[in-house]
Amino acid sequence: MSSWVRYACAALLTSAVLSSTALATKRIVLYDPDANHEAILNIALWFDRYLKSVDPTFEFQAVQGRETFEGLAAAPDTHFALVSSEYLKRDTHVPLTPLVVPALGGDVYYFKKLVDLGRGGETSLKGKTIAVTLTGEHGETPQLHLRALPHHPDIDTTGAILISVSKDVDALLALSFGQVDAALVTPSSIEVVQRINPAMSKLFRVLSQTAPLLRSPFCATPRAPTAERRQLVDILMRMAADTNGRRAMQVMGFDSWLGFEPGMLEK
């Protein structure tokens, strides 16, 4: 092989390596079962479309299990995560740095309502079944949500049996069909059932609601350099002005991003 051919081959190989490095995927993982999983495919679709329109190296992926999330979060190509605030409050195996938080009307918090079918005057749930969204592999978060309920003298949840479901709409359907005595759900999931079955939704009675819960922060993994973190925050801040970005935000139930402050998790 002539020296010229060897040089040309080396140049092509170097170019291929550089191109591969330049186009390396930067994965963003969503892990938040309290998000609108009725439309989880649309969330991933619109979020991914928006990100790729501004930087084709970004890849958005949604997961539901904690173990799946932690496996992906530890992968070399995962740079960011949009993750449940309840997950961040626990001792986790994945070091994450919150950057920004979703907000609706300037509010970074949401809440869940405890509802039943309003049969009779009794409101005690002592020893009864409550359907809740499973946000952890071992059901830790449903317990956290239940403890977040404000004290109400007429509602006793002592010994309540928590029935885990994959999404809030399933909890309401279980309640509608008499499979559970109550459900702990987001207001938006009640609106979904109102559209599906208006007659049934009229039977829902709100017993109480949780204390404020922080919306899922957008976090950086240790593999995301400072410049890349700034780039992504800028991309998110411009999200509402883009058709695809705005659709993703609407499906997830927020309209803007606010900078994360440590005290937000402590509320």
C-alpha atoms as a PDB file:
ATOM      1  CA  MET A   1       0.000   0.000   0.000  1.00  0.00           C
ATOM      2  CA  SER A   2       1.417   3.367  -1.022  1.00  0.00           C
ATOM      3  CA  SER A   3       2.068   6.055   1.537  1.00  0.00           C
ATOM      4  CA  TRP A   4      -0.636   8.192  -0.110  1.00  0.00           C
ATOM      5  CA  VAL A   5      -3.258   5.454   0.266  1.00  0.00           C
ATOM      6  CA  ARG A   6      -2.206   4.867   3.868  1.00  0.00           C
ATOM      7  CA  TYR A   7      -2.518   8.602   4.538  1.00  0.00           C
ATOM      8  CA  ALA A   8      -5.959   8.751   2.881  1.00  0.00           C
ATOM      9  CA  CYS A   9      -7.202   5.751   4.901  1.00  0.00           C
ATOM     10  CA  ALA A  10      -5.891   7.253   8.133  1.00  0.00           C
ATOM     11  CA  ALA A  11      -7.559  10.569   7.334  1.00  0.00           C
ATOM     12  CA  LEU A  12     -10.883   8.879   6.634  1.00  0.00           C
ATOM     13  CA  LEU A  13     -10.660   6.848   9.840  1.00  0.00           C
ATOM     14  CA  THR A  14      -9.831   9.939  11.886  1.00  0.00           C
ATOM     15  CA  SER A  15     -12.735  11.802  10.291  1.00  0.00           C
ATOM     16  CA  ALA A  16     -15.132   8.947  11.058  1.00  0.00           C
ATOM     17  CA  VAL A  17     -14.027   8.830  14.689  1.00  0.00           C
ATOM     18  CA  LEU A  18     -14.400  12.588  15.077  1.00  0.00           C
ATOM     19  CA  SER A  19     -17.836  12.525  13.454  1.00  0.00           C
ATOM     20  CA  SER A  20     -18.930   9.687  15.703  1.00  0.00           C
ATOM     21  CA  THR A  21     -17.728  11.568  18.771  1.00  0.00           C
ATOM     22  CA  ALA A  22     -19.362  14.800  17.649  1.00  0.00           C
ATOM     23  CA  LEU A  23     -22.709  13.048  17.140  1.00  0.00           C
ATOM     24  CA  ALA A  24     -22.613  10.995  20.337  1.00  0.00           C
ATOM     25  CA  THR A  25     -26.096  10.628  21.791  1.00  0.00           C
ATOM     26  CA  LYS A  26     -26.984  12.525  24.951  1.00  0.00           C
ATOM     27  CA  ARG A  27     -29.907  10.706  26.528  1.00  0.00           C
ATOM     28  CA  ILE A  28     -32.554  12.339  28.706  1.00  0.00           C
ATOM     29  CA  VAL A  29     -34.622   9.938  30.822  1.00  0.00           C
ATOM     30  CA  LEU A  30     -38.106  10.673  32.157  1.00  0.00           C
ATOM     31  CA  TYR A  31     -39.101   8.825  35.323  1.00  0.00           C
ATOM     32  CA  ASP A  32     -42.292  10.155  36.873  1.00  0.00           C
ATOM     33  CA  PRO A  33     -45.412   7.948  37.038  1.00  0.00           C
ATOM     34  CA  ASP A  34     -47.379  10.937  38.356  1.00  0.00           C
ATOM     35  CA  ALA A  35     -47.017  12.525  34.930  1.00  0.00           C
ATOM     36  CA  ASN A  36     -49.904  12.054  32.494  1.00  0.00           C
ATOM     37  CA  HIS A  37     -49.168   8.470  31.489  1.00  0.00           C
ATOM     38  CA  GLU A  38     -52.420   8.325  29.594  1.00  0.00           C
ATOM     39  CA  ALA A  39     -50.431  10.224  26.978  1.00  0.00           C
ATOM     40  CA  ILE A  40     -46.873   9.047  27.781  1.00  0.00           C
ATOM     41  CA  LEU A  41     -46.183   8.235  24.125  1.00  0.00           C
ATOM     42  CA  ASN A  42     -47.132  11.778  23.145  1.00  0.00           C
ATOM     43  CA  ILE A  43     -44.910  13.198  25.868  1.00  0.00           C
ATOM     44  CA  ALA A  44     -41.913  11.271  24.523  1.00  0.00           C
ATOM     45  CA  LEU A  45     -42.837  12.065  20.916  1.00  0.00           C
ATOM     46  CA  TRP A  46     -43.190  15.833  21.265  1.00  0.00           C
ATOM     47  CA  PHE A  47     -40.320  16.243  23.727  1.00  0.00           C
ATOM     48  CA  ASP A  48     -37.977  14.274  21.489  1.00  0.00           C
ATOM     49  CA  ARG A  49     -39.068  16.192  18.388  1.00  0.00           C
ATOM     50  CA  TYR A  50     -38.424  19.515  20.064  1.00  0.00           C
ATOM     51  CA  LEU A  51     -35.011  18.526  21.401  1.00  0.00           C
ATOM     52  CA  LYS A  52     -33.870  17.119  18.076  1.00  0.00           C
ATOM     53  CA  SER A  53     -34.981  20.291  16.280  1.00  0.00           C
ATOM     54  CA  VAL A  54     -32.463  22.289  18.305  1.00  0.00           C
ATOM     55  CA  ASP A  55     -29.795  19.624  18.875  1.00  0.00           C
ATOM     56  CA  PRO A  56     -30.019  16.251  17.053  1.00  0.00           C
ATOM     57  CA  THR A  57     -27.700  14.589  19.583  1.00  0.00           C
ATOM     58  CA  PHE A  58     -30.375  14.700  22.311  1.00  0.00           C
ATOM     59  CA  GLU A  59     -32.572  11.639  22.785  1.00  0.00           C
ATOM     60  CA  PHE A  60     -35.610  11.622  25.079  1.00  0.00           C
ATOM     61  CA  GLN A  61     -36.720   8.325  26.666  1.00  0.00           C
ATOM     62  CA  ALA A  62     -39.529   7.616  29.171  1.00  0.00           C
ATOM     63  CA  VAL A  63     -39.428   4.705  31.643  1.00  0.00           C
ATOM     64  CA  GLN A  64     -41.775   3.527  34.402  1.00  0.00           C
ATOM     65  CA  GLY A  65     -39.736   1.269  36.699  1.00  0.00           C
ATOM     66  CA  ARG A  66     -37.215   2.503  39.250  1.00  0.00           C
ATOM     67  CA  GLU A  67     -34.672  -0.193  38.425  1.00  0.00           C
ATOM     68  CA  THR A  68     -34.954   0.560  34.703  1.00  0.00           C
ATOM     69  CA  PHE A  69     -34.444   4.243  35.388  1.00  0.00           C
ATOM     70  CA  GLU A  70     -31.402   3.736  37.592  1.00  0.00           C
ATOM     71  CA  GLY A  71     -29.853   1.415  35.028  1.00  0.00           C
ATOM     72  CA  LEU A  72     -30.253   4.003  32.279  1.00  0.00           C
ATOM     73  CA  ALA A  73     -29.256   6.924  34.521  1.00  0.00           C
ATOM     74  CA  ALA A  74     -25.915   5.226  35.163  1.00  0.00           C
ATOM     75  CA  ALA A  75     -25.258   4.653  31.460  1.00  0.00           C
ATOM     76  CA  PRO A  76     -22.426   6.666  29.851  1.00  0.00           C
ATOM     77  CA  ASP A  77     -24.707   8.357  27.323  1.00  0.00           C
ATOM     78  CA  THR A  78     -27.350   9.547  29.850  1.00  0.00           C
ATOM     79  CA  HIS A  79     -26.626  13.177  30.643  1.00  0.00           C
ATOM     80  CA  PHE A  80     -29.964  14.397  32.044  1.00  0.00           C
ATOM     81  CA  ALA A  81     -33.096  13.146  33.806  1.00  0.00           C
ATOM     82  CA  LEU A  82     -36.582  14.495  34.373  1.00  0.00           C
ATOM     83  CA  VAL A  83     -37.401  12.723  37.610  1.00  0.00           C
ATOM     84  CA  SER A  84     -40.027  12.619  40.350  1.00  0.00           C
ATOM     85  CA  SER A  85     -39.249  14.913  43.278  1.00  0.00           C
ATOM     86  CA  GLU A  86     -40.289  12.095  45.626  1.00  0.00           C
ATOM     87  CA  TYR A  87     -37.494   9.995  44.154  1.00  0.00           C
ATOM     88  CA  LEU A  88     -34.984  12.784  44.795  1.00  0.00           C
ATOM     89  CA  LYS A  89     -36.034  12.960  48.442  1.00  0.00           C
ATOM     90  CA  ARG A  90     -35.003   9.357  49.041  1.00  0.00           C
ATOM     91  CA  ASP A  91     -31.476   7.980  49.283  1.00  0.00           C
ATOM     92  CA  THR A  92     -30.777   7.184  45.648  1.00  0.00           C
ATOM     93  CA  HIS A  93     -28.043   5.315  43.819  1.00  0.00           C
ATOM     94  CA  VAL A  94     -27.853   7.985  41.132  1.00  0.00           C
ATOM     95  CA  PRO A  95     -26.248  11.389  41.874  1.00  0.00           C
ATOM     96  CA  LEU A  96     -28.489  14.012  40.250  1.00  0.00           C
ATOM     97  CA  THR A  97     -28.269  17.811  40.296  1.00  0.00           C
ATOM     98  CA  PRO A  98     -31.643  19.589  39.822  1.00  0.00           C
ATOM     99  CA  LEU A  99     -31.448  22.469  37.341  1.00  0.00           C
ATOM    100  CA  VAL A 100     -34.990  23.678  36.630  1.00  0.00           C
ATOM    101  CA  VAL A 101     -38.537  22.765  37.682  1.00  0.00           C
ATOM    102  CA  PRO A 102     -41.778  22.783  35.637  1.00  0.00           C
ATOM    103  CA  ALA A 103     -44.366  25.351  36.691  1.00  0.00           C
ATOM    104  CA  LEU A 104     -48.020  25.997  35.913  1.00  0.00           C
ATOM    105  CA  GLY A 105     -49.038  29.607  36.289  1.00  0.00           C
ATOM    106  CA  GLY A 106     -45.780  30.215  38.142  1.00  0.00           C
ATOM    107  CA  ASP A 107     -46.471  27.418  40.673  1.00  0.00           C
ATOM    108  CA  VAL A 108     -43.905  24.593  40.861  1.00  0.00           C
ATOM    109  CA  TYR A 109     -46.127  22.455  43.098  1.00  0.00           C
ATOM    110  CA  TYR A 110     -49.083  20.162  42.441  1.00  0.00           C
ATOM    111  CA  PHE A 111     -51.287  18.059  44.686  1.00  0.00           C
ATOM    112  CA  LYS A 112     -53.327  14.872  44.658  1.00  0.00           C
ATOM    113  CA  LYS A 113     -56.911  14.402  45.785  1.00  0.00           C
ATOM    114  CA  LEU A 114     -58.295  11.569  47.879  1.00  0.00           C
ATOM    115  CA  VAL A 115     -61.685  10.659  46.408  1.00  0.00           C
ATOM    116  CA  ASP A 116     -64.371   8.035  46.941  1.00  0.00           C
ATOM    117  CA  LEU A 117     -67.815   7.443  45.413  1.00  0.00           C
ATOM    118  CA  GLY A 118     -69.657   9.471  48.020  1.00  0.00           C
ATOM    119  CA  ARG A 119     -71.879   6.669  49.250  1.00  0.00           C
ATOM    120  CA  GLY A 120     -73.623   7.571  52.492  1.00  0.00           C
ATOM    121  CA  GLY A 121     -72.255   9.957  55.051  1.00  0.00           C
ATOM    122  CA  GLU A 122     -69.302   7.823  56.149  1.00  0.00           C
ATOM    123  CA  THR A 123     -65.875   9.186  55.210  1.00  0.00           C
ATOM    124  CA  SER A 124     -63.650   6.881  57.263  1.00  0.00           C
ATOM    125  CA  LEU A 125     -61.192   4.779  55.247  1.00  0.00           C
ATOM    126  CA  LYS A 126     -59.952   2.788  58.227  1.00  0.00           C
ATOM    127  CA  GLY A 127     -58.865  -0.629  56.968  1.00  0.00           C
ATOM    128  CA  LYS A 128     -60.210   0.077  53.476  1.00  0.00           C
ATOM    129  CA  THR A 129     -58.503  -0.064  50.074  1.00  0.00           C
ATOM    130  CA  ILE A 130     -57.040   2.989  48.343  1.00  0.00           C
ATOM    131  CA  ALA A 131     -55.730   2.873  44.778  1.00  0.00           C
ATOM    132  CA  VAL A 132     -52.502   4.849  44.327  1.00  0.00           C
ATOM    133  CA  THR A 133     -49.988   5.277  41.536  1.00  0.00           C
ATOM    134  CA  LEU A 134     -46.899   3.103  41.968  1.00  0.00           C
ATOM    135  CA  THR A 135     -43.858   5.349  41.619  1.00  0.00           C
ATOM    136  CA  GLY A 136     -41.301   3.027  43.178  1.00  0.00           C
ATOM    137  CA  GLU A 137     -40.363  -0.631  42.868  1.00  0.00           C
ATOM    138  CA  HIS A 138     -41.426  -1.299  46.452  1.00  0.00           C
ATOM    139  CA  GLY A 139     -44.329   1.097  46.843  1.00  0.00           C
ATOM    140  CA  GLU A 140     -42.488   3.738  48.876  1.00  0.00           C
ATOM    141  CA  THR A 141     -44.019   6.760  47.176  1.00  0.00           C
ATOM    142  CA  PRO A 142     -47.678   5.799  47.719  1.00  0.00           C
ATOM    143  CA  GLN A 143     -46.886   5.738  51.429  1.00  0.00           C
ATOM    144  CA  LEU A 144     -45.284   9.167  51.148  1.00  0.00           C
ATOM    145  CA  HIS A 145     -48.359  10.553  49.379  1.00  0.00           C
ATOM    146  CA  LEU A 146     -50.651   9.095  52.018  1.00  0.00           C
ATOM    147  CA  ARG A 147     -48.606  10.641  54.829  1.00  0.00           C
ATOM    148  CA  ALA A 148     -48.757  13.962  52.964  1.00  0.00           C
ATOM    149  CA  LEU A 149     -52.530  14.098  53.482  1.00  0.00           C
ATOM    150  CA  PRO A 150     -53.432  16.912  55.892  1.00  0.00           C
ATOM    151  CA  HIS A 151     -55.041  15.889  59.146  1.00  0.00           C
ATOM    152  CA  HIS A 152     -58.805  15.665  58.879  1.00  0.00           C
ATOM    153  CA  PRO A 153     -60.825  14.723  61.984  1.00  0.00           C
ATOM    154  CA  ASP A 154     -63.454  12.838  59.946  1.00  0.00           C
ATOM    155  CA  ILE A 155     -61.059  10.824  57.753  1.00  0.00           C
ATOM    156  CA  ASP A 156     -59.241   7.910  59.320  1.00  0.00           C
ATOM    157  CA  THR A 157     -56.793   6.042  57.058  1.00  0.00           C
ATOM    158  CA  THR A 158     -55.454   3.793  59.821  1.00  0.00           C
ATOM    159  CA  GLY A 159     -54.694   0.355  58.410  1.00  0.00           C
ATOM    160  CA  ALA A 160     -55.686   1.389  54.898  1.00  0.00           C
ATOM    161  CA  ILE A 161     -54.543  -1.080  52.237  1.00  0.00           C
ATOM    162  CA  LEU A 162     -52.754   0.628  49.346  1.00  0.00           C
ATOM    163  CA  ILE A 163     -53.433  -0.925  45.955  1.00  0.00           C
ATOM    164  CA  SER A 164     -50.732   0.041  43.439  1.00  0.00           C
ATOM    165  CA  VAL A 165     -51.674   0.908  39.860  1.00  0.00           C
ATOM    166  CA  SER A 166     -49.613   2.152  36.919  1.00  0.00           C
ATOM    167  CA  LYS A 167     -51.402   5.495  36.451  1.00  0.00           C
ATOM    168  CA  ASP A 168     -53.959   7.698  38.166  1.00  0.00           C
ATOM    169  CA  VAL A 169     -56.665   7.071  35.572  1.00  0.00           C
ATOM    170  CA  ASP A 170     -56.454   3.343  36.411  1.00  0.00           C
ATOM    171  CA  ALA A 171     -56.984   4.222  40.076  1.00  0.00           C
ATOM    172  CA  LEU A 172     -60.184   6.089  39.212  1.00  0.00           C
ATOM    173  CA  LEU A 173     -61.415   3.285  36.986  1.00  0.00           C
ATOM    174  CA  ALA A 174     -60.782   0.796  39.807  1.00  0.00           C
ATOM    175  CA  LEU A 175     -62.826   3.049  42.078  1.00  0.00           C
ATOM    176  CA  SER A 176     -65.592   3.359  39.486  1.00  0.00           C
ATOM    177  CA  PHE A 177     -65.919  -0.421  39.158  1.00  0.00           C
ATOM    178  CA  GLY A 178     -65.940  -0.977  42.921  1.00  0.00           C
ATOM    179  CA  GLN A 179     -62.537  -2.666  43.049  1.00  0.00           C
ATOM    180  CA  VAL A 180     -61.288  -0.202  45.699  1.00  0.00           C
ATOM    181  CA  ASP A 181     -62.897   2.111  48.251  1.00  0.00           C
ATOM    182  CA  ALA A 182     -60.971   5.275  47.341  1.00  0.00           C
ATOM    183  CA  ALA A 183     -58.286   6.650  45.027  1.00  0.00           C
ATOM    184  CA  LEU A 184     -55.447   9.135  45.462  1.00  0.00           C
ATOM    185  CA  VAL A 185     -55.127  10.986  42.141  1.00  0.00           C
ATOM    186  CA  THR A 186     -54.203  14.221  40.368  1.00  0.00           C
ATOM    187  CA  PRO A 187     -56.978  16.676  39.403  1.00  0.00           C
ATOM    188  CA  SER A 188     -56.039  16.246  35.720  1.00  0.00           C
ATOM    189  CA  SER A 189     -56.787  12.514  35.908  1.00  0.00           C
ATOM    190  CA  ILE A 190     -60.266  13.306  37.224  1.00  0.00           C
ATOM    191  CA  GLU A 191     -60.764  15.536  34.190  1.00  0.00           C
ATOM    192  CA  VAL A 192     -59.771  12.623  31.916  1.00  0.00           C
ATOM    193  CA  VAL A 193     -62.443  10.400  33.474  1.00  0.00           C
ATOM    194  CA  GLN A 194     -64.960  13.221  33.224  1.00  0.00           C
ATOM    195  CA  ARG A 195     -64.468  13.138  29.457  1.00  0.00           C
ATOM    196  CA  ILE A 196     -64.615   9.330  29.298  1.00  0.00           C
ATOM    197  CA  ASN A 197     -67.585   8.819  31.604  1.00  0.00           C
ATOM    198  CA  PRO A 198     -69.261  12.065  32.770  1.00  0.00           C
ATOM    199  CA  ALA A 199     -72.014  10.231  34.666  1.00  0.00           C
ATOM    200  CA  MET A 200     -69.565   8.174  36.730  1.00  0.00           C
ATOM    201  CA  SER A 201     -67.273  11.121  37.445  1.00  0.00           C
ATOM    202  CA  LYS A 202     -70.179  12.988  39.045  1.00  0.00           C
ATOM    203  CA  LEU A 203     -70.146  10.379  41.819  1.00  0.00           C
ATOM    204  CA  PHE A 204     -66.572  11.203  42.864  1.00  0.00           C
ATOM    205  CA  ARG A 205     -66.400  12.897  46.241  1.00  0.00           C
ATOM    206  CA  VAL A 206     -63.244  14.725  47.296  1.00  0.00           C
ATOM    207  CA  LEU A 207     -62.373  13.797  50.869  1.00  0.00           C
ATOM    208  CA  SER A 208     -59.054  15.598  51.195  1.00  0.00           C
ATOM    209  CA  GLN A 209     -55.913  16.472  49.297  1.00  0.00           C
ATOM    210  CA  THR A 210     -52.189  16.151  49.824  1.00  0.00           C
ATOM    211  CA  ALA A 211     -49.821  18.837  50.926  1.00  0.00           C
ATOM    212  CA  PRO A 212     -48.007  20.494  47.978  1.00  0.00           C
ATOM    213  CA  LEU A 213     -45.824  18.117  45.945  1.00  0.00           C
ATOM    214  CA  LEU A 214     -42.941  19.486  43.876  1.00  0.00           C
ATOM    215  CA  ARG A 215     -43.209  18.886  40.129  1.00  0.00           C
ATOM    216  CA  SER A 216     -40.487  16.737  38.561  1.00  0.00           C
ATOM    217  CA  PRO A 217     -37.169  18.647  38.416  1.00  0.00           C
ATOM    218  CA  PHE A 218     -34.955  18.475  35.330  1.00  0.00           C
ATOM    219  CA  CYS A 219     -31.625  17.163  36.593  1.00  0.00           C
ATOM    220  CA  ALA A 220     -28.082  16.706  35.307  1.00  0.00           C
ATOM    221  CA  THR A 221     -26.036  13.568  35.824  1.00  0.00           C
ATOM    222  CA  PRO A 222     -22.301  13.837  36.626  1.00  0.00           C
ATOM    223  CA  ARG A 223     -21.532  13.206  32.931  1.00  0.00           C
ATOM    224  CA  ALA A 224     -23.086  16.489  31.817  1.00  0.00           C
ATOM    225  CA  PRO A 225     -20.424  19.241  31.685  1.00  0.00           C
ATOM    226  CA  THR A 226     -21.245  22.772  32.849  1.00  0.00           C
ATOM    227  CA  ALA A 227     -21.503  24.181  29.326  1.00  0.00           C
ATOM    228  CA  GLU A 228     -23.924  21.436  28.305  1.00  0.00           C
ATOM    229  CA  ARG A 229     -26.077  22.076  31.370  1.00  0.00           C
ATOM    230  CA  ARG A 230     -26.329  25.742  30.463  1.00  0.00           C
ATOM    231  CA  GLN A 231     -27.185  24.808  26.893  1.00  0.00           C
ATOM    232  CA  LEU A 232     -30.020  22.525  27.966  1.00  0.00           C
ATOM    233  CA  VAL A 233     -31.488  25.059  30.398  1.00  0.00           C
ATOM    234  CA  ASP A 234     -31.525  27.611  27.587  1.00  0.00           C
ATOM    235  CA  ILE A 235     -33.235  25.063  25.300  1.00  0.00           C
ATOM    236  CA  LEU A 236     -35.903  24.363  27.933  1.00  0.00           C
ATOM    237  CA  MET A 237     -36.541  28.049  28.556  1.00  0.00           C
ATOM    238  CA  ARG A 238     -37.339  28.468  24.839  1.00  0.00           C
ATOM    239  CA  MET A 239     -39.549  25.387  24.765  1.00  0.00           C
ATOM    240  CA  ALA A 240     -42.926  27.136  25.072  1.00  0.00           C
ATOM    241  CA  ALA A 241     -42.249  29.167  21.912  1.00  0.00           C
ATOM    242  CA  ASP A 242     -41.944  26.012  19.782  1.00  0.00           C
ATOM    243  CA  THR A 243     -44.962  24.012  18.545  1.00  0.00           C
ATOM    244  CA  ASN A 244     -43.532  20.610  19.485  1.00  0.00           C
ATOM    245  CA  GLY A 245     -42.137  21.873  22.770  1.00  0.00           C
ATOM    246  CA  ARG A 246     -45.413  23.516  23.704  1.00  0.00           C
ATOM    247  CA  ARG A 247     -47.327  20.299  22.965  1.00  0.00           C
ATOM    248  CA  ALA A 248     -45.047  18.310  25.258  1.00  0.00           C
ATOM    249  CA  MET A 249     -45.540  20.848  28.037  1.00  0.00           C
ATOM    250  CA  GLN A 250     -49.317  20.850  27.611  1.00  0.00           C
ATOM    251  CA  VAL A 251     -49.518  17.052  27.792  1.00  0.00           C
ATOM    252  CA  MET A 252     -47.437  17.084  30.978  1.00  0.00           C
ATOM    253  CA  GLY A 253     -49.550  19.850  32.502  1.00  0.00           C
ATOM    254  CA  PHE A 254     -47.203  22.831  32.859  1.00  0.00           C
ATOM    255  CA  ASP A 255     -46.446  26.025  30.933  1.00  0.00           C
ATOM    256  CA  SER A 256     -42.977  27.229  31.964  1.00  0.00           C
ATOM    257  CA  TRP A 257     -39.706  26.363  33.713  1.00  0.00           C
ATOM    258  CA  LEU A 258     -38.295  28.011  36.834  1.00  0.00           C
ATOM    259  CA  GLY A 259     -34.788  27.770  38.247  1.00  0.00           C
ATOM    260  CA  PHE A 260     -34.438  25.133  40.959  1.00  0.00           C
ATOM    261  CA  GLU A 261     -33.886  26.285  44.550  1.00  0.00           C
ATOM    262  CA  PRO A 262     -32.835  23.822  47.296  1.00  0.00           C
ATOM    263  CA  GLY A 263     -35.732  24.846  49.549  1.00  0.00           C
ATOM    264  CA  MET A 264     -38.230  23.589  46.975  1.00  0.00           C
ATOM    265  CA  LEU A 265     -37.633  19.965  47.945  1.00  0.00           C
ATOM    266  CA  GLU A 266     -38.031  20.710  51.635  1.00  0.00           C
ATOM    267  CA  LYS A 267     -41.601  21.984  51.446  1.00  0.00           C
END
